Structure formats: structure tokens, C-alpha cells
Protein backbone atom coordinates (compact mmCIF):
# COMPACT_ATOMS: atom_id res chain seq x y z
CA MET A 1 1.62 -9.74 -38.29
CA LEU A 2 -1.74 -11.06 -36.20
CA ILE A 3 -4.62 -10.42 -38.16
CA ALA A 4 -7.73 -10.24 -36.20
CA LEU A 5 -10.47 -11.97 -39.09
CA HIS A 6 -14.14 -10.90 -38.69
CA LYS A 7 -15.69 -14.17 -37.12
CA GLN A 8 -18.15 -14.85 -39.82
CA ALA A 9 -15.28 -13.86 -42.69
CA ARG A 10 -14.96 -16.49 -45.14
CA THR A 11 -11.67 -15.70 -46.80
CA THR A 12 -8.23 -15.05 -45.34
CA PRO A 13 -5.43 -12.80 -46.65
CA ALA A 14 -4.15 -16.06 -48.84
CA VAL A 15 -7.60 -16.65 -50.10
CA ARG A 16 -7.84 -13.20 -51.61
CA ALA A 17 -4.44 -13.54 -52.87
CA GLU A 18 -5.20 -16.69 -54.57
CA ILE A 19 -8.23 -14.74 -56.24
CA ALA A 20 -6.45 -11.70 -56.99
CA ALA A 21 -4.01 -13.66 -59.03
CA SER A 22 -6.16 -16.35 -60.53
CA SER A 23 -7.50 -15.44 -64.31
CA GLU A 24 -10.95 -17.75 -64.26
CA PRO A 25 -14.19 -16.46 -64.18
CA VAL A 26 -15.52 -14.59 -61.96
CA ALA A 27 -18.68 -16.96 -61.45
CA VAL A 28 -16.17 -19.99 -61.05
CA LEU A 29 -14.13 -18.81 -58.52
CA ALA A 30 -17.33 -17.58 -56.54
CA ARG A 31 -18.48 -21.41 -56.36
CA ARG A 32 -15.02 -22.57 -55.41
CA PHE A 33 -14.76 -20.31 -52.64
CA ASN A 34 -18.40 -20.06 -51.29
CA VAL A 35 -18.71 -16.63 -51.72
CA THR A 36 -20.65 -14.47 -53.99
CA GLU A 37 -19.33 -12.88 -57.05
CA MET A 38 -19.25 -8.85 -55.60
CA THR A 39 -16.88 -10.59 -53.16
CA ILE A 40 -14.37 -11.87 -55.91
CA ARG A 41 -14.68 -8.53 -58.09
CA LYS A 42 -13.78 -6.65 -54.56
CA TRP A 43 -10.50 -8.84 -53.82
CA LYS A 44 -9.73 -9.14 -57.34
CA SER A 45 -9.42 -4.82 -57.55
CA ARG A 46 -8.20 -4.23 -54.50
CA GLU A 47 -4.14 -4.08 -54.16
CA SER A 48 -4.57 -5.34 -50.78
CA VAL A 49 -5.79 -8.12 -49.13
CA TYR A 50 -5.91 -7.28 -45.67
CA ASP A 51 -9.10 -5.65 -44.49
CA ARG A 52 -9.76 -1.72 -44.60
CA PRO A 53 -9.65 0.32 -41.15
CA HIS A 54 -13.08 0.58 -40.02
CA THR A 55 -12.67 3.73 -38.44
CA ALA A 56 -14.78 7.01 -39.92
CA HIS A 57 -12.47 9.11 -42.44
CA ARG A 58 -14.00 12.32 -41.29
CA LEU A 59 -15.32 12.92 -37.91
CA GLN A 60 -19.18 13.71 -37.69
CA THR A 61 -19.53 16.91 -35.76
CA THR A 62 -21.46 20.61 -35.56
CA LEU A 63 -17.97 22.32 -34.22
CA THR A 64 -15.33 23.50 -36.13
CA PRO A 65 -11.89 23.22 -35.09
CA ALA A 66 -11.87 26.86 -34.01
CA GLN A 67 -15.15 25.98 -31.85
CA GLU A 68 -13.76 23.13 -30.44
CA ALA A 69 -10.62 24.82 -29.56
CA VAL A 70 -12.08 27.09 -27.04
CA ALA A 71 -14.76 24.82 -26.03
CA VAL A 72 -11.69 22.65 -24.61
CA GLU A 73 -10.26 26.30 -23.59
CA LEU A 74 -13.00 27.11 -21.43
CA ARG A 75 -13.17 23.78 -19.97
CA ARG A 76 -9.50 23.71 -19.17
CA THR A 77 -9.80 27.08 -17.32
CA LEU A 78 -12.97 27.37 -16.04
CA ARG A 79 -13.14 23.86 -14.76
CA LEU A 80 -16.96 23.92 -16.20
CA PRO A 81 -18.81 20.60 -15.70
CA LEU A 82 -20.12 19.20 -19.05
CA ASP A 83 -23.75 20.41 -18.44
CA ASP A 84 -22.77 23.82 -17.80
CA LEU A 85 -20.15 23.74 -20.73
CA LEU A 86 -22.75 22.58 -23.18
CA VAL A 87 -25.14 25.66 -22.01
CA VAL A 88 -22.00 28.16 -22.91
CA VAL A 89 -21.13 26.58 -26.00
CA ARG A 90 -24.78 26.49 -27.00
CA GLU A 91 -25.23 30.02 -26.48
CA PHE A 92 -21.84 31.69 -27.74
CA LEU A 93 -20.61 29.12 -30.16
CA ASN A 94 -22.78 26.54 -31.59
CA GLU A 95 -26.48 26.07 -30.73
CA ALA A 96 -26.66 22.95 -32.88
CA VAL A 97 -24.20 21.26 -30.31
CA SER A 98 -25.25 18.07 -28.91
CA ARG A 99 -24.24 16.47 -25.01
CA SER A 100 -22.95 13.42 -26.60
CA GLY A 101 -21.30 15.60 -29.27
CA LEU A 102 -19.30 18.22 -26.80
CA ASP A 103 -18.41 14.77 -24.62
CA ARG A 104 -16.97 13.26 -27.63
CA CYS A 105 -15.32 16.51 -28.47
CA LEU A 106 -13.82 16.34 -24.73
CA ARG A 107 -12.98 12.91 -24.96
CA ARG A 108 -10.94 13.69 -28.23
CA HIS A 109 -8.85 16.38 -26.69
CA GLY A 110 -8.10 14.48 -23.01
CA VAL A 111 -10.04 16.90 -21.03
CA SER A 112 -12.93 14.73 -19.75
CA ARG A 113 -12.27 14.46 -16.29
CA LEU A 114 -12.51 17.49 -14.71
CA ALA A 115 -10.33 15.38 -11.81
CA ASP A 116 -6.99 15.23 -14.30
CA LEU A 117 -7.19 18.85 -14.58
CA GLU A 118 -6.63 19.12 -11.26
CA PRO A 119 -2.97 20.12 -10.51
CA ARG A 120 -1.12 16.61 -9.11
CA GLN A 121 -0.84 17.00 -5.14
CA VAL A 122 2.52 15.30 -4.55
CA ALA A 123 2.08 12.87 -1.57
CA PRO A 124 4.04 14.28 1.34
CA SER A 125 6.96 11.74 1.46
CA HIS A 126 7.67 10.24 5.02
CA LYS A 127 10.99 10.99 6.66
CA ALA A 128 12.73 8.12 7.76
CA PHE A 129 13.70 7.78 11.07
CA LYS A 130 16.58 9.27 12.77
CA ALA A 131 19.57 7.07 12.68
CA TYR A 132 20.23 6.00 16.39
CA GLU A 133 22.54 3.64 18.23
CA PRO A 134 20.88 0.63 19.94
CA GLY A 135 19.05 1.13 22.94
CA TYR A 136 16.24 3.25 21.84
CA LEU A 137 13.10 1.21 21.96
CA HIS A 138 9.45 1.80 20.69
CA VAL A 139 6.86 -0.29 23.12
CA ASP A 140 3.25 -0.53 22.13
CA VAL A 141 0.30 -2.99 23.07
CA LYS A 142 -1.75 -4.62 20.77
CA TYR A 143 -5.00 -6.74 21.16
CA LEU A 144 -5.06 -10.42 21.02
CA PRO A 145 -8.29 -12.95 20.20
CA GLN A 146 -9.66 -14.87 22.69
CA MET A 147 -9.29 -18.32 22.01
CA ALA A 148 -11.78 -20.78 23.74
CA ASP A 149 -10.09 -22.34 26.61
CA GLU A 150 -9.90 -18.32 28.00
CA PRO A 151 -11.91 -16.51 29.99
CA ARG A 152 -11.23 -12.98 28.52
CA ARG A 153 -8.84 -11.80 25.88
CA ARG A 154 -5.20 -11.62 26.60
CA TYR A 155 -2.50 -8.38 25.29
CA LEU A 156 0.95 -8.18 23.68
CA PHE A 157 2.94 -6.08 24.77
CA VAL A 158 5.69 -5.74 21.91
CA ALA A 159 8.88 -3.62 22.24
CA ILE A 160 11.17 -3.05 19.35
CA ASP A 161 14.51 -1.44 19.13
CA ARG A 162 15.03 1.40 16.35
CA ALA A 163 18.39 0.92 15.34
CA THR A 164 18.57 -3.16 15.04
CA ARG A 165 14.56 -3.82 15.04
CA TRP A 166 15.33 -6.44 17.48
CA VAL A 167 11.73 -7.63 18.79
CA PHE A 168 11.18 -8.38 22.00
CA VAL A 169 7.09 -9.65 23.26
CA ALA A 170 5.23 -10.83 26.27
CA ILE A 171 1.58 -11.92 26.88
CA LYS A 172 -0.25 -10.62 29.63
CA PRO A 173 -3.76 -11.17 31.01
CA ASN A 174 -4.57 -7.30 30.93
CA ARG A 175 -3.15 -4.12 30.03
CA THR A 176 -2.73 -2.19 33.56
CA ALA A 177 0.73 -0.52 34.78
CA LYS A 178 1.59 -3.79 36.83
CA ALA A 179 1.73 -5.36 33.40
CA ALA A 180 3.32 -2.85 31.62
CA THR A 181 6.07 -2.62 34.34
CA ALA A 182 6.37 -6.44 34.54
CA PHE A 183 7.17 -6.06 30.75
CA LEU A 184 9.65 -3.56 31.22
CA ALA A 185 11.75 -5.66 33.72
CA ALA A 186 11.22 -8.69 31.51
CA LEU A 187 12.60 -6.57 28.42
CA HIS A 188 15.46 -5.12 30.71
CA ARG A 189 16.92 -8.68 31.64
CA ALA A 190 16.31 -9.71 28.04
CA CYS A 191 18.38 -7.14 25.89
CA PRO A 192 21.54 -7.28 25.68
CA CYS A 193 21.89 -3.64 24.54
CA LYS A 194 21.75 -0.96 27.43
CA ILE A 195 18.28 0.72 26.98
CA GLN A 196 18.80 4.31 26.91
CA ARG A 197 15.11 5.71 25.92
CA LEU A 198 11.46 4.09 25.76
CA LEU A 199 8.75 5.59 23.67
CA THR A 200 5.47 4.79 24.50
CA ASP A 201 2.10 6.29 23.66
CA ASN A 202 0.14 7.75 26.71
CA GLY A 203 -1.84 4.86 27.79
CA LYS A 204 -2.70 4.72 31.45
CA GLU A 205 -0.58 1.51 31.66
CA PHE A 206 2.57 3.15 30.83
CA THR A 207 2.06 7.10 32.78
CA ASP A 208 -0.02 9.36 33.77
CA ARG A 209 2.03 12.46 32.57
CA LEU A 210 -0.89 12.97 29.92
CA PHE A 211 -2.73 14.95 32.22
CA ALA A 212 0.22 17.78 33.23
CA SER A 213 -1.78 20.52 31.14
CA ARG A 214 -5.14 19.84 32.20
CA GLU A 215 -7.13 19.40 35.67
CA ARG A 216 -5.38 16.52 36.98
CA GLN A 217 -1.90 16.21 37.44
CA PRO A 218 0.61 13.95 37.62
CA SER A 219 1.00 11.92 40.64
CA GLY A 220 4.81 11.31 39.73
CA HIS A 221 4.22 7.50 41.36
CA HIS A 222 3.05 5.46 38.58
CA GLU A 223 4.83 2.35 38.14
CA PHE A 224 6.10 2.44 35.13
CA ASP A 225 7.86 5.76 35.17
CA LEU A 226 9.07 4.97 38.61
CA LEU A 227 10.74 1.77 37.19
CA CYS A 228 11.90 3.72 34.25
CA GLN A 229 13.75 6.03 36.64
CA THR A 230 15.40 3.34 38.57
CA LEU A 231 17.24 1.67 35.54
CA GLY A 232 18.51 4.63 34.50
CA ILE A 233 15.70 4.47 30.96
CA GLU A 234 14.41 8.33 29.50
CA HIS A 235 10.64 7.30 28.97
CA ARG A 236 9.34 9.43 26.16
CA LEU A 237 5.89 10.03 25.27
CA THR A 238 4.13 10.27 21.46
CA PRO A 239 2.13 13.51 21.15
CA PRO A 240 -1.69 13.18 21.66
CA ARG A 241 -3.61 11.31 18.55
CA ARG A 242 0.11 10.64 16.70
CA PRO A 243 0.00 7.15 16.10
CA GLN A 244 2.55 7.95 13.17
CA THR A 245 5.26 8.95 15.83
CA ASN A 246 5.14 5.07 16.98
CA GLY A 247 4.82 3.85 13.60
CA MET A 248 7.98 1.73 14.00
CA VAL A 249 6.13 -0.64 16.52
CA GLU A 250 2.77 -0.07 14.67
CA ARG A 251 4.43 -1.75 11.28
CA PHE A 252 5.48 -4.66 13.83
CA ASN A 253 1.88 -5.13 14.75
CA GLY A 254 0.64 -5.21 11.31
CA ARG A 255 2.98 -8.31 10.63
CA ILE A 256 1.48 -10.03 13.95
CA ALA A 257 -2.10 -9.26 12.60
CA ASP A 258 -1.24 -10.72 9.48
CA VAL A 259 0.06 -14.05 11.32
CA LEU A 260 -3.13 -13.71 13.75
CA ASN A 261 -5.40 -13.65 10.43
CA THR A 262 -3.76 -16.84 8.55
CA HIS A 263 -3.48 -19.21 11.02
CA ARG A 264 -6.25 -21.00 12.92
CA PHE A 265 -5.56 -22.04 16.55
CA HIS A 266 -6.81 -24.39 18.57
CA ASP A 267 -5.64 -23.09 22.02
CA ALA A 268 -4.34 -20.23 23.83
CA GLU A 269 -1.22 -22.19 24.28
CA ASP A 270 -1.33 -22.67 20.58
CA LEU A 271 -1.73 -19.10 19.83
CA ALA A 272 1.55 -18.37 22.01
CA SER A 273 3.51 -21.46 20.62
CA THR A 274 3.01 -19.38 17.26
CA LEU A 275 4.03 -16.11 17.86
CA THR A 276 7.02 -17.50 20.10
CA ARG A 277 8.04 -19.05 16.93
CA TYR A 278 7.13 -15.98 14.19
CA VAL A 279 9.49 -13.66 16.77
CA ARG A 280 12.46 -16.43 16.81
CA LEU A 281 12.18 -16.45 12.72
CA TYR A 282 11.61 -12.56 12.34
CA ASN A 283 14.82 -11.98 14.91
CA GLN A 284 16.58 -14.75 13.61
CA GLN A 285 15.66 -15.38 10.00
CA PHE A 286 14.34 -12.35 8.47
CA PRO A 287 16.52 -10.12 6.65
CA GLN A 288 15.37 -6.54 6.25
CA SER A 289 16.28 -4.02 3.38
CA VAL A 290 16.40 -1.58 6.04
CA LEU A 291 19.14 -3.36 7.59
CA GLN A 292 20.76 -3.73 4.11
CA GLY A 293 19.64 -7.52 4.26
CA LYS A 294 20.77 -8.44 7.40
CA THR A 295 18.67 -9.96 10.32
CA PRO A 296 17.99 -8.16 13.45
CA MET A 297 20.04 -10.54 15.63
CA GLN A 298 23.19 -10.28 12.77
CA THR A 299 22.82 -6.16 13.01
CA MET A 300 22.90 -6.58 16.61
CA ASN A 301 25.98 -8.76 16.75
CA GLN A 302 27.85 -6.53 14.29
CA TRP A 303 26.87 -3.27 16.72
CA TYR A 304 28.39 -5.40 19.47
CA THR A 305 31.98 -5.56 17.48
CA THR A 306 32.44 -2.10 17.22
CA HIS A 307 30.42 -0.62 20.06
CA PRO A 308 30.58 -2.97 22.76
CA ASP A 309 30.45 -0.21 25.10
CA LEU A 310 26.38 0.35 24.12
CA PHE A 311 25.93 -3.38 25.76
CA HIS A 312 25.94 -5.17 28.98
CA ARG A 313 26.13 -8.66 27.68
CA LYS A 314 26.96 -10.27 24.19
CA PRO A 315 24.20 -10.99 22.19
CA TYR A 316 22.96 -14.62 21.59
CA ASP A 317 19.74 -15.78 20.23
CA GLN A 318 17.00 -15.73 22.37
CA THR A 319 12.96 -16.22 21.30
CA GLY A 320 12.20 -12.59 22.15
CA LEU A 321 9.06 -13.86 24.38
CA ASP A 322 8.55 -13.81 27.57
CA ASN A 323 5.34 -15.41 29.07
């Protein structure tokens, strides 16, 4: 049994038991244990050698149990703040009640915080992505930190396959339509599966279709859209101001942000090589719960075994990075 003794206590349960069992005079025992005679008499008269609880046996309150019940019900029903409830209680129940006494009453009954009385808001559950076959890729762009040997910052284009979580990235000097088109061409060469759909945001590097419902009309000649048409890829856009629609690639960008925040890079080449290693590990070594403990490349190979028609070549281990 764990016993919490007062820091100035001179007796322990064992000493108290010895005092209670001793037949020696009180004065002798007091000198032996270096305590007062009153302490000796106290432990001789008690049946237990343990300290009694210090909690008050009777609460010091001016409210009767019935008045407390009414005050608590007012709190629950009307959601009155403490000061407003104090006015009501003093006016109709007990004019002698103090603010601190009413606060202790509310605490005893578990209604001291108004926030606890509000109905619990059930957080909306995020729907899982609809199951797709390989070939539906999410694409996004992430800023990279500017290194000391660079005249300006560069950009990381990222693509992730919805079914296998296979990732392909490329570092570009800008985020223009030309850079996005070059990224798509490299992605098409590197991706083992046939790309059926791409999902991007409405950035100018990806499309000019966002302005179709406004005063500006899409040109129909945007480089990225044209390359999608040439490659037979359906180019879908996320709704404006809805980045969560592209949440899969946003979550991977969060992984990249963790890498950037936890590493110190000497130059641009060091940054690129670190990203190369990370993407290689991600594709080939990182098992993912959403893939039932498999890596993206293992999942890609499993799909190839069962659905080879979805691929234009057999998957093989690759860096997933294009410079």
C-alpha cells in the first residue's frame, strides 16, 4: 500500500503500531520517539495507524440541496454565465450565496464550463478516395527553398498515382506552361501504366479553362491541355478554392516539406540528390497502410500481374525523379 506521509511527520505506521501496543508510560514513549505526549495518547486511542482523510465531512455552503439542484438546472437549460446565474440565484433562491460558493457548486455537479454543455459536434468523416485502377494521377507544384548557389528559387512538380501511390517528381526553374508540359512529357515516358486521367488545380501552368465562365474565354491552345489531348489523357481540374480535392498529392507535398525542414542542404545539387533518394525510398521501401502494407512498386507490380492491359511496359525500379 502506498502511503503519503506529511513531510514533517515524525511517526510512521510501524512506529504508531509500536506505540499502540506498548504498555510503557506516555512520558517514556514521548521521549523515545521524540514526540509530544499528546501524540502518544492520540495513537494509543486510535484503532488505525493511518492518517484520517482531511476532506471536510460537511460542505460549507449556503445553498440547500434543493437550491443547488435548481441552480444547476438553470445552468444546463439557460446556459447562463456565472455572473448572470449569480444574479438570478440571489434574487430568487438565496440572497446570501457568494460567487465563489456558486462556482464550487457548479464544479461539484460538472457544469462549470459552458462549453461542456453544448452538444458535441461530430467531426465530418473524410470520405476515402474512390477505388481507381492505375492511370489516374494527381499533379501539383511545390516551391523549393532557394539555395546559395541559385539566382532564384526552383519548383518541384509532383505526380502521384491514385491506385498505387507511385510518385514521380521533377525540378523545374519556373512554373510556366512550358515547364508543366515538359514535366508531363517526362511523366508519360517514366510511368509504367497508361495514364488515363490527370487531376490538377487551375494554375496558369496547367490550363486557361478556369476563365470559361468569366469575361475571359479559354484559348484552346494551352500547351498542357494540347499535350494531354495528343497523349489521350483526360485532364480534370479541381474546383476553385478547393485544394482538398487534390489532397492526395498535397499530403505527399507535406512529406517533402518534412524532408526540407529536417535537412540542411549545401547547394542545389545536394537538395536534388536528397529528393532523389527520398522518392526512391518512398516508391521502393516505404510500406503504406492504405496499400495493405505494400510499397508503391510492389502494388504496381501486383496490378501488372493481374491487369497487364493497363500498362504499356512492365514496371521496374526507378528513381521517380527527372531533372
